[in-house]
Amino acid sequence: MTKQIKIIIEKHPDGYVAYPLGLKGIVVGEGDTYEEALADVKSAIDFHIETFGPDVFEAESHILEAFIAETGVAVR
Protein backbone atom coordinates (compact mmCIF):
# COMPACT_ATOMS: atom_id res chain seq x y z
CA MET A 1 0.00 0.00 0.00
CA THR A 2 1.26 3.48 -0.84
CA LYS A 3 0.17 6.51 1.17
CA GLN A 4 0.68 10.06 -0.09
CA ILE A 5 2.29 12.37 2.48
CA LYS A 6 2.61 16.14 2.14
CA ILE A 7 6.16 17.39 2.70
CA ILE A 8 7.29 20.90 3.60
CA ILE A 9 10.72 21.79 2.19
CA GLU A 10 12.50 24.92 3.38
CA LYS A 11 15.48 26.50 1.64
CA HIS A 12 18.13 27.87 4.02
CA PRO A 13 21.49 29.53 3.26
CA ASP A 14 23.30 26.25 3.99
CA GLY A 15 20.88 23.80 2.33
CA TYR A 16 17.35 22.41 2.48
CA VAL A 17 15.28 21.01 5.36
CA ALA A 18 12.23 18.81 4.78
CA TYR A 19 9.54 17.51 7.12
CA PRO A 20 6.24 15.68 6.65
CA LEU A 21 2.75 16.72 7.71
CA GLY A 22 0.38 14.29 9.39
CA LEU A 23 2.85 12.06 11.25
CA LYS A 24 3.20 11.64 15.01
CA GLY A 25 6.73 12.25 16.22
CA ILE A 26 9.58 14.19 14.70
CA VAL A 27 10.81 13.29 11.24
CA VAL A 28 13.23 15.58 9.40
CA GLY A 29 15.38 15.30 6.30
CA GLU A 30 18.09 17.57 4.96
CA GLY A 31 20.29 18.00 1.94
CA ASP A 32 22.33 20.36 -0.17
CA THR A 33 19.60 20.32 -2.83
CA TYR A 34 15.80 20.13 -2.89
CA GLU A 35 16.00 16.61 -4.30
CA GLU A 36 18.48 15.44 -1.62
CA ALA A 37 16.28 16.79 1.18
CA LEU A 38 13.21 15.11 -0.31
CA ALA A 39 15.02 11.77 -0.66
CA ASP A 40 16.39 12.08 2.89
CA VAL A 41 12.99 12.80 4.45
CA LYS A 42 11.44 9.90 2.49
CA SER A 43 14.09 7.61 3.95
CA ALA A 44 13.44 9.03 7.43
CA ILE A 45 9.67 8.47 7.02
CA ASP A 46 10.26 4.87 5.91
CA PHE A 47 12.47 4.28 8.97
CA HIS A 48 9.93 5.94 11.29
CA ILE A 49 7.11 3.71 10.00
CA GLU A 50 9.32 0.61 10.17
CA THR A 51 10.32 1.43 13.75
CA PHE A 52 6.98 2.53 15.21
CA GLY A 53 4.44 0.92 12.88
CA PRO A 54 1.45 2.36 11.04
CA ASP A 55 0.20 4.09 14.20
CA VAL A 56 2.59 6.96 13.39
CA PHE A 57 -0.05 8.39 11.09
CA GLU A 58 -2.47 10.81 12.67
CA ALA A 59 -5.89 9.15 13.01
CA GLU A 60 -7.37 11.34 10.31
CA SER A 61 -5.38 13.81 8.34
CA HIS A 62 -7.62 16.70 7.40
CA ILE A 63 -4.85 18.37 5.38
CA LEU A 64 -6.08 18.79 1.82
CA GLU A 65 -3.35 21.19 0.70
CA ALA A 66 -0.43 23.00 2.29
CA PHE A 67 0.31 26.67 1.62
CA ILE A 68 3.10 29.03 2.51
CA ALA A 69 2.03 32.58 3.32
CA GLU A 70 3.82 35.70 4.49
CA THR A 71 2.63 38.69 6.47
CA GLY A 72 4.25 41.71 8.08
CA VAL A 73 4.21 42.34 11.82
CA ALA A 74 5.36 45.34 13.84
CA VAL A 75 8.55 44.71 15.81
CA ARG A 76 9.13 47.12 18.69
PDB file of N, CA and C in Angstrom:
ATOM      1  N   MET A   1       0.846  -1.182   0.000  1.00  0.00           N
ATOM      2  CA  MET A   1       0.000   0.000   0.000  1.00  0.00           C
ATOM      3  C   MET A   1       0.891   1.245   0.000  1.00  0.00           C
ATOM      4  N   THR A   2       0.535   2.213  -0.792  1.00  0.00           N
ATOM      5  CA  THR A   2       1.256   3.479  -0.837  1.00  0.00           C
ATOM      6  C   THR A   2       0.353   4.568  -0.291  1.00  0.00           C
ATOM      7  N   LYS A   3       0.914   5.395   0.585  1.00  0.00           N
ATOM      8  CA  LYS A   3       0.171   6.513   1.167  1.00  0.00           C
ATOM      9  C   LYS A   3       0.870   7.805   0.761  1.00  0.00           C
ATOM     10  N   GLN A   4       0.120   8.760   0.279  1.00  0.00           N
ATOM     11  CA  GLN A   4       0.680  10.057  -0.090  1.00  0.00           C
ATOM     12  C   GLN A   4       0.830  10.908   1.170  1.00  0.00           C
ATOM     13  N   ILE A   5       1.992  11.523   1.328  1.00  0.00           N
ATOM     14  CA  ILE A   5       2.293  12.375   2.484  1.00  0.00           C
ATOM     15  C   ILE A   5       2.749  13.728   1.965  1.00  0.00           C
ATOM     16  N   LYS A   6       2.195  14.782   2.515  1.00  0.00           N
ATOM     17  CA  LYS A   6       2.614  16.138   2.141  1.00  0.00           C
ATOM     18  C   LYS A   6       3.904  16.475   2.885  1.00  0.00           C
ATOM     19  N   ILE A   7       4.848  17.059   2.159  1.00  0.00           N
ATOM     20  CA  ILE A   7       6.162  17.391   2.698  1.00  0.00           C
ATOM     21  C   ILE A   7       6.387  18.893   2.576  1.00  0.00           C
ATOM     22  N   ILE A   8       6.863  19.511   3.637  1.00  0.00           N
ATOM     23  CA  ILE A   8       7.292  20.905   3.603  1.00  0.00           C
ATOM     24  C   ILE A   8       8.805  20.902   3.384  1.00  0.00           C
ATOM     25  N   ILE A   9       9.280  21.676   2.437  1.00  0.00           N
ATOM     26  CA  ILE A   9      10.717  21.794   2.189  1.00  0.00           C
ATOM     27  C   ILE A   9      11.090  23.261   2.279  1.00  0.00           C
ATOM     28  N   GLU A  10      12.040  23.543   3.167  1.00  0.00           N
ATOM     29  CA  GLU A  10      12.504  24.916   3.376  1.00  0.00           C
ATOM     30  C   GLU A  10      13.911  25.077   2.804  1.00  0.00           C
ATOM     31  N   LYS A  11      14.143  26.197   2.141  1.00  0.00           N
ATOM     32  CA  LYS A  11      15.483  26.501   1.636  1.00  0.00           C
ATOM     33  C   LYS A  11      16.156  27.448   2.620  1.00  0.00           C
ATOM     34  N   HIS A  12      17.335  27.071   3.087  1.00  0.00           N
ATOM     35  CA  HIS A  12      18.131  27.870   4.017  1.00  0.00           C
ATOM     36  C   HIS A  12      19.460  28.216   3.346  1.00  0.00           C
ATOM     37  N   PRO A  13      20.214  29.167   3.876  1.00  0.00           N
ATOM     38  CA  PRO A  13      21.492  29.525   3.260  1.00  0.00           C
ATOM     39  C   PRO A  13      22.452  28.342   3.115  1.00  0.00           C
ATOM     40  N   ASP A  14      22.361  27.368   4.023  1.00  0.00           N
ATOM     41  CA  ASP A  14      23.305  26.250   3.988  1.00  0.00           C
ATOM     42  C   ASP A  14      22.689  24.945   3.481  1.00  0.00           C
ATOM     43  N   GLY A  15      21.493  25.003   2.884  1.00  0.00           N
ATOM     44  CA  GLY A  15      20.884  23.799   2.330  1.00  0.00           C
ATOM     45  C   GLY A  15      19.383  23.771   2.518  1.00  0.00           C
ATOM     46  N   TYR A  16      18.801  22.596   2.420  1.00  0.00           N
ATOM     47  CA  TYR A  16      17.353  22.412   2.482  1.00  0.00           C
ATOM     48  C   TYR A  16      16.980  21.526   3.669  1.00  0.00           C
ATOM     49  N   VAL A  17      15.836  21.808   4.266  1.00  0.00           N
ATOM     50  CA  VAL A  17      15.284  21.009   5.358  1.00  0.00           C
ATOM     51  C   VAL A  17      13.878  20.596   4.940  1.00  0.00           C
ATOM     52  N   ALA A  18      13.536  19.328   5.172  1.00  0.00           N
ATOM     53  CA  ALA A  18      12.227  18.808   4.780  1.00  0.00           C
ATOM     54  C   ALA A  18      11.583  18.082   5.954  1.00  0.00           C
ATOM     55  N   TYR A  19      10.270  18.246   6.088  1.00  0.00           N
ATOM     56  CA  TYR A  19       9.541  17.508   7.122  1.00  0.00           C
ATOM     57  C   TYR A  19       8.120  17.237   6.653  1.00  0.00           C
ATOM     58  N   PRO A  20       7.578  16.082   7.082  1.00  0.00           N
ATOM     59  CA  PRO A  20       6.244  15.680   6.647  1.00  0.00           C
ATOM     60  C   PRO A  20       5.142  16.265   7.522  1.00  0.00           C
ATOM     61  N   LEU A  21       3.952  16.344   6.964  1.00  0.00           N
ATOM     62  CA  LEU A  21       2.755  16.717   7.709  1.00  0.00           C
ATOM     63  C   LEU A  21       1.947  15.450   7.965  1.00  0.00           C
ATOM     64  N   GLY A  22       1.287  15.387   9.110  1.00  0.00           N
ATOM     65  CA  GLY A  22       0.376  14.287   9.386  1.00  0.00           C
ATOM     66  C   GLY A  22       0.988  13.062  10.027  1.00  0.00           C
ATOM     67  N   LEU A  23       2.221  13.169  10.545  1.00  0.00           N
ATOM     68  CA  LEU A  23       2.848  12.058  11.251  1.00  0.00           C
ATOM     69  C   LEU A  23       3.044  12.425  12.714  1.00  0.00           C
ATOM     70  N   LYS A  24       2.894  11.446  13.592  1.00  0.00           N
ATOM     71  CA  LYS A  24       3.204  11.644  15.009  1.00  0.00           C
ATOM     72  C   LYS A  24       4.706  11.486  15.178  1.00  0.00           C
ATOM     73  N   GLY A  25       5.295  12.319  16.006  1.00  0.00           N
ATOM     74  CA  GLY A  25       6.735  12.254  16.225  1.00  0.00           C
ATOM     75  C   GLY A  25       7.453  13.237  15.330  1.00  0.00           C
ATOM     76  N   ILE A  26       8.754  13.242  15.455  1.00  0.00           N
ATOM     77  CA  ILE A  26       9.575  14.187  14.702  1.00  0.00           C
ATOM     78  C   ILE A  26      10.330  13.435  13.614  1.00  0.00           C
ATOM     79  N   VAL A  27      10.130  13.873  12.389  1.00  0.00           N
ATOM     80  CA  VAL A  27      10.810  13.285  11.239  1.00  0.00           C
ATOM     81  C   VAL A  27      11.321  14.448  10.399  1.00  0.00           C
ATOM     82  N   VAL A  28      12.632  14.474  10.153  1.00  0.00           N
ATOM     83  CA  VAL A  28      13.234  15.577   9.400  1.00  0.00           C
ATOM     84  C   VAL A  28      14.257  15.011   8.422  1.00  0.00           C
ATOM     85  N   GLY A  29      14.345  15.632   7.271  1.00  0.00           N
ATOM     86  CA  GLY A  29      15.380  15.296   6.300  1.00  0.00           C
ATOM     87  C   GLY A  29      16.120  16.560   5.921  1.00  0.00           C
ATOM     88  N   GLU A  30      17.329  16.402   5.391  1.00  0.00           N
ATOM     89  CA  GLU A  30      18.092  17.575   4.963  1.00  0.00           C
ATOM     90  C   GLU A  30      18.958  17.198   3.779  1.00  0.00           C
ATOM     91  N   GLY A  31      19.408  18.231   3.081  1.00  0.00           N
ATOM     92  CA  GLY A  31      20.286  17.998   1.944  1.00  0.00           C
ATOM     93  C   GLY A  31      20.785  19.299   1.355  1.00  0.00           C
ATOM     94  N   ASP A  32      21.775  19.182   0.503  1.00  0.00           N
ATOM     95  CA  ASP A  32      22.328  20.362  -0.169  1.00  0.00           C
ATOM     96  C   ASP A  32      21.400  20.848  -1.281  1.00  0.00           C
ATOM     97  N   THR A  33      20.544  19.950  -1.779  1.00  0.00           N
ATOM     98  CA  THR A  33      19.599  20.317  -2.833  1.00  0.00           C
ATOM     99  C   THR A  33      18.184  19.938  -2.406  1.00  0.00           C
ATOM    100  N   TYR A  34      17.204  20.463  -3.111  1.00  0.00           N
ATOM    101  CA  TYR A  34      15.798  20.129  -2.893  1.00  0.00           C
ATOM    102  C   TYR A  34      15.601  18.615  -3.002  1.00  0.00           C
ATOM    103  N   GLU A  35      16.163  18.035  -4.042  1.00  0.00           N
ATOM    104  CA  GLU A  35      16.003  16.605  -4.296  1.00  0.00           C
ATOM    105  C   GLU A  35      16.637  15.763  -3.200  1.00  0.00           C
ATOM    106  N   GLU A  36      17.817  16.176  -2.709  1.00  0.00           N
ATOM    107  CA  GLU A  36      18.481  15.443  -1.625  1.00  0.00           C
ATOM    108  C   GLU A  36      17.657  15.496  -0.342  1.00  0.00           C
ATOM    109  N   ALA A  37      17.100  16.654  -0.031  1.00  0.00           N
ATOM    110  CA  ALA A  37      16.279  16.793   1.177  1.00  0.00           C
ATOM    111  C   ALA A  37      15.023  15.942   1.067  1.00  0.00           C
ATOM    112  N   LEU A  38      14.409  15.918  -0.103  1.00  0.00           N
ATOM    113  CA  LEU A  38      13.205  15.112  -0.314  1.00  0.00           C
ATOM    114  C   LEU A  38      13.522  13.623  -0.176  1.00  0.00           C
ATOM    115  N   ALA A  39      14.616  13.181  -0.768  1.00  0.00           N
ATOM    116  CA  ALA A  39      15.017  11.774  -0.662  1.00  0.00           C
ATOM    117  C   ALA A  39      15.350  11.415   0.787  1.00  0.00           C
ATOM    118  N   ASP A  40      16.010  12.328   1.497  1.00  0.00           N
ATOM    119  CA  ASP A  40      16.393  12.075   2.887  1.00  0.00           C
ATOM    120  C   ASP A  40      15.171  11.974   3.790  1.00  0.00           C
ATOM    121  N   VAL A  41      14.185  12.856   3.602  1.00  0.00           N
ATOM    122  CA  VAL A  41      12.993  12.798   4.449  1.00  0.00           C
ATOM    123  C   VAL A  41      12.173  11.552   4.106  1.00  0.00           C
ATOM    124  N   LYS A  42      12.150  11.129   2.849  1.00  0.00           N
ATOM    125  CA  LYS A  42      11.442   9.900   2.493  1.00  0.00           C
ATOM    126  C   LYS A  42      12.076   8.716   3.212  1.00  0.00           C
ATOM    127  N   SER A  43      13.388   8.667   3.237  1.00  0.00           N
ATOM    128  CA  SER A  43      14.090   7.607   3.949  1.00  0.00           C
ATOM    129  C   SER A  43      13.781   7.655   5.446  1.00  0.00           C
ATOM    130  N   ALA A  44      13.745   8.863   6.010  1.00  0.00           N
ATOM    131  CA  ALA A  44      13.439   9.028   7.435  1.00  0.00           C
ATOM    132  C   ALA A  44      12.005   8.591   7.739  1.00  0.00           C
ATOM    133  N   ILE A  45      11.067   8.891   6.839  1.00  0.00           N
ATOM    134  CA  ILE A  45       9.675   8.468   7.022  1.00  0.00           C
ATOM    135  C   ILE A  45       9.587   6.946   6.977  1.00  0.00           C
ATOM    136  N   ASP A  46      10.253   6.327   6.008  1.00  0.00           N
ATOM    137  CA  ASP A  46      10.257   4.868   5.914  1.00  0.00           C
ATOM    138  C   ASP A  46      10.784   4.244   7.208  1.00  0.00           C
ATOM    139  N   PHE A  47      11.880   4.784   7.730  1.00  0.00           N
ATOM    140  CA  PHE A  47      12.466   4.277   8.972  1.00  0.00           C
ATOM    141  C   PHE A  47      11.514   4.475  10.152  1.00  0.00           C
ATOM    142  N   HIS A  48      10.868   5.623  10.212  1.00  0.00           N
ATOM    143  CA  HIS A  48       9.929   5.944  11.290  1.00  0.00           C
ATOM    144  C   HIS A  48       8.764   4.949  11.290  1.00  0.00           C
ATOM    145  N   ILE A  49       8.216   4.664  10.109  1.00  0.00           N
ATOM    146  CA  ILE A  49       7.108   3.706   9.999  1.00  0.00           C
ATOM    147  C   ILE A  49       7.584   2.297  10.352  1.00  0.00           C
ATOM    148  N   GLU A  50       8.767   1.928   9.868  1.00  0.00           N
ATOM    149  CA  GLU A  50       9.320   0.606  10.168  1.00  0.00           C
ATOM    150  C   GLU A  50       9.558   0.432  11.668  1.00  0.00           C
ATOM    151  N   THR A  51      10.007   1.485  12.321  1.00  0.00           N
ATOM    152  CA  THR A  51      10.323   1.428  13.752  1.00  0.00           C
ATOM    153  C   THR A  51       9.082   1.438  14.625  1.00  0.00           C
ATOM    154  N   PHE A  52       8.131   2.324  14.328  1.00  0.00           N
ATOM    155  CA  PHE A  52       6.983   2.533  15.210  1.00  0.00           C
ATOM    156  C   PHE A  52       5.668   1.970  14.671  1.00  0.00           C
ATOM    157  N   GLY A  53       5.646   1.516  13.446  1.00  0.00           N
ATOM    158  CA  GLY A  53       4.442   0.923  12.878  1.00  0.00           C
ATOM    159  C   GLY A  53       3.500   1.951  12.282  1.00  0.00           C
ATOM    160  N   PRO A  54       2.390   1.469  11.733  1.00  0.00           N
ATOM    161  CA  PRO A  54       1.450   2.356  11.037  1.00  0.00           C
ATOM    162  C   PRO A  54       0.709   3.329  11.959  1.00  0.00           C
ATOM    163  N   ASP A  55       0.849   3.162  13.270  1.00  0.00           N
ATOM    164  CA  ASP A  55       0.196   4.090  14.196  1.00  0.00           C
ATOM    165  C   ASP A  55       0.839   5.472  14.193  1.00  0.00           C
ATOM    166  N   VAL A  56       1.949   5.643  13.450  1.00  0.00           N
ATOM    167  CA  VAL A  56       2.595   6.964  13.394  1.00  0.00           C
ATOM    168  C   VAL A  56       1.759   7.975  12.611  1.00  0.00           C
ATOM    169  N   PHE A  57       0.804   7.474  11.825  1.00  0.00           N
ATOM    170  CA  PHE A  57      -0.054   8.387  11.087  1.00  0.00           C
ATOM    171  C   PHE A  57      -1.122   8.939  12.013  1.00  0.00           C
ATOM    172  N   GLU A  58      -1.380  10.223  11.902  1.00  0.00           N
ATOM    173  CA  GLU A  58      -2.471  10.811  12.670  1.00  0.00           C
ATOM    174  C   GLU A  58      -3.753  10.089  12.282  1.00  0.00           C
ATOM    175  N   ALA A  59      -4.661   9.923  13.238  1.00  0.00           N
ATOM    176  CA  ALA A  59      -5.885   9.154  13.013  1.00  0.00           C
ATOM    177  C   ALA A  59      -6.569   9.553  11.708  1.00  0.00           C
ATOM    178  N   GLU A  60      -6.788  10.825  11.541  1.00  0.00           N
ATOM    179  CA  GLU A  60      -7.370  11.336  10.309  1.00  0.00           C
ATOM    180  C   GLU A  60      -6.637  12.605   9.937  1.00  0.00           C
ATOM    181  N   SER A  61      -6.028  12.601   8.799  1.00  0.00           N
ATOM    182  CA  SER A  61      -5.378  13.812   8.337  1.00  0.00           C
ATOM    183  C   SER A  61      -6.405  14.642   7.568  1.00  0.00           C
ATOM    184  N   HIS A  62      -6.656  15.815   8.051  1.00  0.00           N
ATOM    185  CA  HIS A  62      -7.616  16.700   7.401  1.00  0.00           C
ATOM    186  C   HIS A  62      -6.906  17.701   6.484  1.00  0.00           C
ATOM    187  N   ILE A  63      -5.625  17.465   6.225  1.00  0.00           N
ATOM    188  CA  ILE A  63      -4.855  18.369   5.379  1.00  0.00           C
ATOM    189  C   ILE A  63      -5.146  18.051   3.919  1.00  0.00           C
ATOM    190  N   LEU A  64      -5.800  18.969   3.240  1.00  0.00           N
ATOM    191  CA  LEU A  64      -6.081  18.790   1.816  1.00  0.00           C
ATOM    192  C   LEU A  64      -4.959  19.362   0.966  1.00  0.00           C
ATOM    193  N   GLU A  65      -4.454  20.526   1.389  1.00  0.00           N
ATOM    194  CA  GLU A  65      -3.354  21.185   0.705  1.00  0.00           C
ATOM    195  C   GLU A  65      -2.520  21.910   1.751  1.00  0.00           C
ATOM    196  N   ALA A  66      -1.296  22.218   1.407  1.00  0.00           N
ATOM    197  CA  ALA A  66      -0.427  22.998   2.293  1.00  0.00           C
ATOM    198  C   ALA A  66      -0.003  24.252   1.543  1.00  0.00           C
ATOM    199  N   PHE A  67      -0.040  25.378   2.215  1.00  0.00           N
ATOM    200  CA  PHE A  67       0.307  26.669   1.617  1.00  0.00           C
ATOM    201  C   PHE A  67       1.375  27.354   2.460  1.00  0.00           C
ATOM    202  N   ILE A  68       2.144  28.169   1.814  1.00  0.00           N
ATOM    203  CA  ILE A  68       3.097  29.031   2.508  1.00  0.00           C
ATOM    204  C   ILE A  68       2.609  30.458   2.310  1.00  0.00           C
ATOM    205  N   ALA A  69       2.485  31.198   3.392  1.00  0.00           N
ATOM    206  CA  ALA A  69       2.031  32.580   3.320  1.00  0.00           C
ATOM    207  C   ALA A  69       3.007  33.469   4.078  1.00  0.00           C
ATOM    208  N   GLU A  70       2.937  34.750   3.828  1.00  0.00           N
ATOM    209  CA  GLU A  70       3.818  35.699   4.493  1.00  0.00           C
ATOM    210  C   GLU A  70       3.007  36.924   4.858  1.00  0.00           C
ATOM    211  N   THR A  71       3.288  37.469   6.029  1.00  0.00           N
ATOM    212  CA  THR A  71       2.628  38.688   6.470  1.00  0.00           C
ATOM    213  C   THR A  71       3.625  39.538   7.254  1.00  0.00           C
ATOM    214  N   GLY A  72       3.376  40.820   7.313  1.00  0.00           N
ATOM    215  CA  GLY A  72       4.246  41.713   8.080  1.00  0.00           C
ATOM    216  C   GLY A  72       3.699  41.931   9.483  1.00  0.00           C
ATOM    217  N   VAL A  73       4.595  42.037  10.444  1.00  0.00           N
ATOM    218  CA  VAL A  73       4.209  42.341  11.821  1.00  0.00           C
ATOM    219  C   VAL A  73       5.112  43.435  12.344  1.00  0.00           C
ATOM    220  N   ALA A  74       4.570  44.271  13.238  1.00  0.00           N
ATOM    221  CA  ALA A  74       5.362  45.344  13.838  1.00  0.00           C
ATOM    222  C   ALA A  74       6.304  44.753  14.883  1.00  0.00           C
ATOM    223  N   VAL A  75       7.551  45.138  14.832  1.00  0.00           N
ATOM    224  CA  VAL A  75       8.549  44.710  15.809  1.00  0.00           C
ATOM    225  C   VAL A  75       8.999  45.947  16.567  1.00  0.00           C
ATOM    226  N   ARG A  76       8.791  45.937  17.877  1.00  0.00           N
ATOM    227  CA  ARG A  76       9.130  47.117  18.687  1.00  0.00           C
ATOM    228  C   ARG A  76      10.335  46.895  19.526  1.00  0.00           C
TER     229      ARG A  76
END
